[in-house]
Amino acid sequence: DWYTYVQAKLVPRPAPEWDECGKALEAQTALPWYCNRPFTDIHTAYIKILQLAIADALAFVSIVMFLDVGITFFTGELHAVTGHLVPKPFVKRWIIPGILIQLLLNPRMMEVSAAVKAFVRHTVSDVGPVTAWRWSAALFIPLFSFAAERFN
């Protein structure tokens, strides 16, 4: 889980969990200044804001990574010098990498495939497996034959 990993690396422990604060409490000596109330409240607020920023940043990165594969696959690539969008030729776009490779490279495909499976299961359970099979055969076979005629 990326959220747990990033949080463990970036978010500090709360001040009452620090060794210095715990040793002072055990020895019943005066606490260091950073173990007292106003500073621990500020530190707790900092931790909460940092956790929120990490969650939002990871959500943004996930969306960008999910969209990047599809956009690059269907539109093309940016030219390094001019910055113009250069469309990929048909063979380089569809045949060489293949759709399966593109989907496997997408890091968010696990969530998307779970959503697609849930949608298919819900649809099949509503209309029945035989009707779903007939509709898929009625739609996909003509689409594949049309695509094969169009691009050959």
C-alpha atoms as a PDB file:
ATOM      1  CA  ASP A   1       0.000   0.000   0.000  1.00  0.00           C
ATOM      2  CA  TRP A   2       1.606   3.237  -1.172  1.00  0.00           C
ATOM      3  CA  TYR A   3      -0.217   5.405   1.356  1.00  0.00           C
ATOM      4  CA  THR A   4       1.183   3.440   4.299  1.00  0.00           C
ATOM      5  CA  TYR A   5       4.687   3.428   2.807  1.00  0.00           C
ATOM      6  CA  VAL A   6       4.773   7.180   2.115  1.00  0.00           C
ATOM      7  CA  GLN A   7       3.216   7.958   5.480  1.00  0.00           C
ATOM      8  CA  ALA A   8       5.834   5.849   7.278  1.00  0.00           C
ATOM      9  CA  LYS A   9       8.630   7.698   5.451  1.00  0.00           C
ATOM     10  CA  LEU A  10       7.331  11.284   5.689  1.00  0.00           C
ATOM     11  CA  VAL A  11       5.031  11.632   8.700  1.00  0.00           C
ATOM     12  CA  PRO A  12       6.784  11.992  12.068  1.00  0.00           C
ATOM     13  CA  ARG A  13       5.590  10.232  15.198  1.00  0.00           C
ATOM     14  CA  PRO A  14       3.487  12.328  17.585  1.00  0.00           C
ATOM     15  CA  ALA A  15       5.531  14.073  20.294  1.00  0.00           C
ATOM     16  CA  PRO A  16       4.144  12.037  23.236  1.00  0.00           C
ATOM     17  CA  GLU A  17       5.532   8.887  21.570  1.00  0.00           C
ATOM     18  CA  TRP A  18       9.079  10.261  21.412  1.00  0.00           C
ATOM     19  CA  ASP A  19      11.674   8.657  23.652  1.00  0.00           C
ATOM     20  CA  GLU A  20      12.624  11.979  25.280  1.00  0.00           C
ATOM     21  CA  CYS A  21       9.053  12.677  26.364  1.00  0.00           C
ATOM     22  CA  GLY A  22       8.505   9.129  27.606  1.00  0.00           C
ATOM     23  CA  LYS A  23      11.738   9.038  29.635  1.00  0.00           C
ATOM     24  CA  ALA A  24      10.910  12.349  31.288  1.00  0.00           C
ATOM     25  CA  LEU A  25       7.473  11.043  32.275  1.00  0.00           C
ATOM     26  CA  GLU A  26       8.939   7.815  33.684  1.00  0.00           C
ATOM     27  CA  ALA A  27      11.600   9.650  35.678  1.00  0.00           C
ATOM     28  CA  GLN A  28       9.032  12.271  36.745  1.00  0.00           C
ATOM     29  CA  THR A  29      11.321  15.096  35.699  1.00  0.00           C
ATOM     30  CA  ALA A  30      10.439  18.247  33.838  1.00  0.00           C
ATOM     31  CA  LEU A  31       9.350  17.625  30.268  1.00  0.00           C
ATOM     32  CA  PRO A  32      11.342  19.197  27.450  1.00  0.00           C
ATOM     33  CA  TRP A  33       9.697  22.244  25.886  1.00  0.00           C
ATOM     34  CA  TYR A  34       8.569  20.313  22.808  1.00  0.00           C
ATOM     35  CA  CYS A  35       6.647  17.799  24.943  1.00  0.00           C
ATOM     36  CA  ASN A  36       4.369  20.456  26.451  1.00  0.00           C
ATOM     37  CA  ARG A  37       0.839  21.307  25.396  1.00  0.00           C
ATOM     38  CA  PRO A  38       0.925  24.130  22.853  1.00  0.00           C
ATOM     39  CA  PHE A  39       3.784  22.579  20.893  1.00  0.00           C
ATOM     40  CA  THR A  40       2.235  19.101  20.839  1.00  0.00           C
ATOM     41  CA  ASP A  41      -1.016  20.605  19.500  1.00  0.00           C
ATOM     42  CA  ILE A  42       0.865  22.361  16.707  1.00  0.00           C
ATOM     43  CA  HIS A  43       2.755  19.163  15.942  1.00  0.00           C
ATOM     44  CA  THR A  44      -0.495  17.153  15.854  1.00  0.00           C
ATOM     45  CA  ALA A  45      -2.057  19.678  13.455  1.00  0.00           C
ATOM     46  CA  TYR A  46       1.067  19.453  11.261  1.00  0.00           C
ATOM     47  CA  ILE A  47       0.762  15.644  11.191  1.00  0.00           C
ATOM     48  CA  LYS A  48      -2.936  15.812  10.212  1.00  0.00           C
ATOM     49  CA  ILE A  49      -2.244  18.335   7.422  1.00  0.00           C
ATOM     50  CA  LEU A  50       0.660  16.233   6.151  1.00  0.00           C
ATOM     51  CA  GLN A  51      -1.495  13.078   6.104  1.00  0.00           C
ATOM     52  CA  LEU A  52      -4.208  14.911   4.169  1.00  0.00           C
ATOM     53  CA  ALA A  53      -1.649  16.266   1.683  1.00  0.00           C
ATOM     54  CA  ILE A  54      -0.190  12.786   1.168  1.00  0.00           C
ATOM     55  CA  ALA A  55      -3.629  11.273   0.555  1.00  0.00           C
ATOM     56  CA  ASP A  56      -4.547  14.010  -1.938  1.00  0.00           C
ATOM     57  CA  ALA A  57      -1.187  13.829  -3.709  1.00  0.00           C
ATOM     58  CA  LEU A  58      -1.416  10.049  -4.063  1.00  0.00           C
ATOM     59  CA  ALA A  59      -4.969  10.342  -5.410  1.00  0.00           C
ATOM     60  CA  PHE A  60      -3.787  12.903  -7.984  1.00  0.00           C
ATOM     61  CA  VAL A  61      -0.806  10.761  -8.983  1.00  0.00           C
ATOM     62  CA  SER A  62      -3.072   7.713  -9.341  1.00  0.00           C
ATOM     63  CA  ILE A  63      -5.440   9.600 -11.641  1.00  0.00           C
ATOM     64  CA  VAL A  64      -2.569  10.931 -13.775  1.00  0.00           C
ATOM     65  CA  MET A  65      -0.929   7.496 -14.018  1.00  0.00           C
ATOM     66  CA  PHE A  66      -4.257   5.909 -14.975  1.00  0.00           C
ATOM     67  CA  LEU A  67      -5.009   8.462 -17.678  1.00  0.00           C
ATOM     68  CA  ASP A  68      -1.450   8.630 -19.023  1.00  0.00           C
ATOM     69  CA  VAL A  69      -1.445   5.121 -20.468  1.00  0.00           C
ATOM     70  CA  GLY A  70      -4.737   5.571 -22.306  1.00  0.00           C
ATOM     71  CA  ILE A  71      -4.010   9.068 -23.579  1.00  0.00           C
ATOM     72  CA  THR A  72      -0.569   8.091 -24.836  1.00  0.00           C
ATOM     73  CA  PHE A  73      -1.975   4.936 -26.393  1.00  0.00           C
ATOM     74  CA  PHE A  74      -4.852   6.599 -28.249  1.00  0.00           C
ATOM     75  CA  THR A  75      -3.395  10.008 -29.139  1.00  0.00           C
ATOM     76  CA  GLY A  76       0.345   9.638 -29.603  1.00  0.00           C
ATOM     77  CA  GLU A  77       3.422  11.130 -27.999  1.00  0.00           C
ATOM     78  CA  LEU A  78       4.765  14.631 -27.569  1.00  0.00           C
ATOM     79  CA  HIS A  79       7.752  15.512 -29.738  1.00  0.00           C
ATOM     80  CA  ALA A  80      10.739  16.268 -27.494  1.00  0.00           C
ATOM     81  CA  VAL A  81      11.961  19.288 -29.473  1.00  0.00           C
ATOM     82  CA  THR A  82       8.837  20.942 -30.884  1.00  0.00           C
ATOM     83  CA  GLY A  83       6.291  19.899 -28.256  1.00  0.00           C
ATOM     84  CA  HIS A  84       3.784  18.936 -30.954  1.00  0.00           C
ATOM     85  CA  LEU A  85       1.615  15.857 -30.641  1.00  0.00           C
ATOM     86  CA  VAL A  86       2.909  13.183 -33.018  1.00  0.00           C
ATOM     87  CA  PRO A  87       0.334  10.444 -33.668  1.00  0.00           C
ATOM     88  CA  LYS A  88       1.592   6.899 -33.710  1.00  0.00           C
ATOM     89  CA  PRO A  89       1.100   4.871 -36.891  1.00  0.00           C
ATOM     90  CA  PHE A  90      -1.446   2.061 -36.757  1.00  0.00           C
ATOM     91  CA  VAL A  91       1.029  -0.822 -36.469  1.00  0.00           C
ATOM     92  CA  LYS A  92       3.095   0.875 -33.774  1.00  0.00           C
ATOM     93  CA  ARG A  93      -0.014   1.811 -31.799  1.00  0.00           C
ATOM     94  CA  TRP A  94      -2.124  -1.344 -32.028  1.00  0.00           C
ATOM     95  CA  ILE A  95      -0.048  -4.303 -33.197  1.00  0.00           C
ATOM     96  CA  ILE A  96       3.382  -3.988 -31.569  1.00  0.00           C
ATOM     97  CA  PRO A  97       2.445  -3.192 -27.948  1.00  0.00           C
ATOM     98  CA  GLY A  98      -0.958  -4.804 -27.957  1.00  0.00           C
ATOM     99  CA  ILE A  99      -3.859  -3.755 -25.794  1.00  0.00           C
ATOM    100  CA  LEU A 100      -3.098  -6.389 -23.172  1.00  0.00           C
ATOM    101  CA  ILE A 101       0.412  -5.019 -22.579  1.00  0.00           C
ATOM    102  CA  GLN A 102      -0.969  -1.495 -22.286  1.00  0.00           C
ATOM    103  CA  LEU A 103      -3.533  -2.617 -19.744  1.00  0.00           C
ATOM    104  CA  LEU A 104      -0.967  -4.570 -17.742  1.00  0.00           C
ATOM    105  CA  LEU A 105       1.342  -1.543 -17.590  1.00  0.00           C
ATOM    106  CA  ASN A 106      -1.369   0.591 -16.082  1.00  0.00           C
ATOM    107  CA  PRO A 107      -0.854   0.628 -12.302  1.00  0.00           C
ATOM    108  CA  ARG A 108      -4.514   1.398 -11.553  1.00  0.00           C
ATOM    109  CA  MET A 109      -5.840  -1.501 -13.630  1.00  0.00           C
ATOM    110  CA  MET A 110      -6.511  -3.600 -10.520  1.00  0.00           C
ATOM    111  CA  GLU A 111      -9.258  -1.205  -9.378  1.00  0.00           C
ATOM    112  CA  VAL A 112     -10.627  -0.740 -12.882  1.00  0.00           C
ATOM    113  CA  SER A 113     -10.791  -4.482 -13.541  1.00  0.00           C
ATOM    114  CA  ALA A 114     -12.589  -4.990 -10.218  1.00  0.00           C
ATOM    115  CA  ALA A 115     -15.158  -2.353 -11.223  1.00  0.00           C
ATOM    116  CA  VAL A 116     -15.605  -3.928 -14.676  1.00  0.00           C
ATOM    117  CA  LYS A 117     -16.043  -7.387 -13.128  1.00  0.00           C
ATOM    118  CA  ALA A 118     -18.649  -6.033 -10.715  1.00  0.00           C
ATOM    119  CA  PHE A 119     -20.499  -4.354 -13.599  1.00  0.00           C
ATOM    120  CA  VAL A 120     -20.435  -7.527 -15.720  1.00  0.00           C
ATOM    121  CA  ARG A 121     -21.595  -9.690 -12.807  1.00  0.00           C
ATOM    122  CA  HIS A 122     -24.409  -7.282 -12.014  1.00  0.00           C
ATOM    123  CA  THR A 123     -25.489  -7.125 -15.668  1.00  0.00           C
ATOM    124  CA  VAL A 124     -25.330 -10.897 -16.135  1.00  0.00           C
ATOM    125  CA  SER A 125     -27.276 -11.508 -12.940  1.00  0.00           C
ATOM    126  CA  ASP A 126     -29.981  -9.054 -14.068  1.00  0.00           C
ATOM    127  CA  VAL A 127     -30.517 -10.342 -17.617  1.00  0.00           C
ATOM    128  CA  GLY A 128     -29.225 -13.887 -17.252  1.00  0.00           C
ATOM    129  CA  PRO A 129     -26.118 -15.535 -18.686  1.00  0.00           C
ATOM    130  CA  VAL A 130     -27.740 -16.750 -21.914  1.00  0.00           C
ATOM    131  CA  THR A 131     -29.084 -13.325 -22.832  1.00  0.00           C
ATOM    132  CA  ALA A 132     -25.743 -11.700 -21.955  1.00  0.00           C
ATOM    133  CA  TRP A 133     -23.896 -14.222 -24.152  1.00  0.00           C
ATOM    134  CA  ARG A 134     -26.266 -13.651 -27.078  1.00  0.00           C
ATOM    135  CA  TRP A 135     -25.998  -9.869 -26.830  1.00  0.00           C
ATOM    136  CA  SER A 136     -22.200  -9.991 -26.612  1.00  0.00           C
ATOM    137  CA  ALA A 137     -22.050 -12.305 -29.648  1.00  0.00           C
ATOM    138  CA  ALA A 138     -24.498 -10.083 -31.531  1.00  0.00           C
ATOM    139  CA  LEU A 139     -22.424  -6.974 -30.820  1.00  0.00           C
ATOM    140  CA  PHE A 140     -18.794  -8.052 -30.762  1.00  0.00           C
ATOM    141  CA  ILE A 141     -18.638 -10.422 -33.736  1.00  0.00           C
ATOM    142  CA  PRO A 142     -19.930  -7.766 -36.193  1.00  0.00           C
ATOM    143  CA  LEU A 143     -17.651  -5.148 -34.613  1.00  0.00           C
ATOM    144  CA  PHE A 144     -14.591  -7.376 -34.988  1.00  0.00           C
ATOM    145  CA  SER A 145     -15.451  -8.234 -38.572  1.00  0.00           C
ATOM    146  CA  PHE A 146     -15.994  -4.570 -39.386  1.00  0.00           C
ATOM    147  CA  ALA A 147     -12.642  -3.685 -37.820  1.00  0.00           C
ATOM    148  CA  ALA A 148     -10.885  -6.472 -39.705  1.00  0.00           C
ATOM    149  CA  GLU A 149     -12.344  -5.285 -43.033  1.00  0.00           C
ATOM    150  CA  ARG A 150     -11.637  -1.639 -42.289  1.00  0.00           C
ATOM    151  CA  PHE A 151      -7.957  -2.036 -41.404  1.00  0.00           C
ATOM    152  CA  ASN A 152      -6.927  -4.725 -43.896  1.00  0.00           C
END
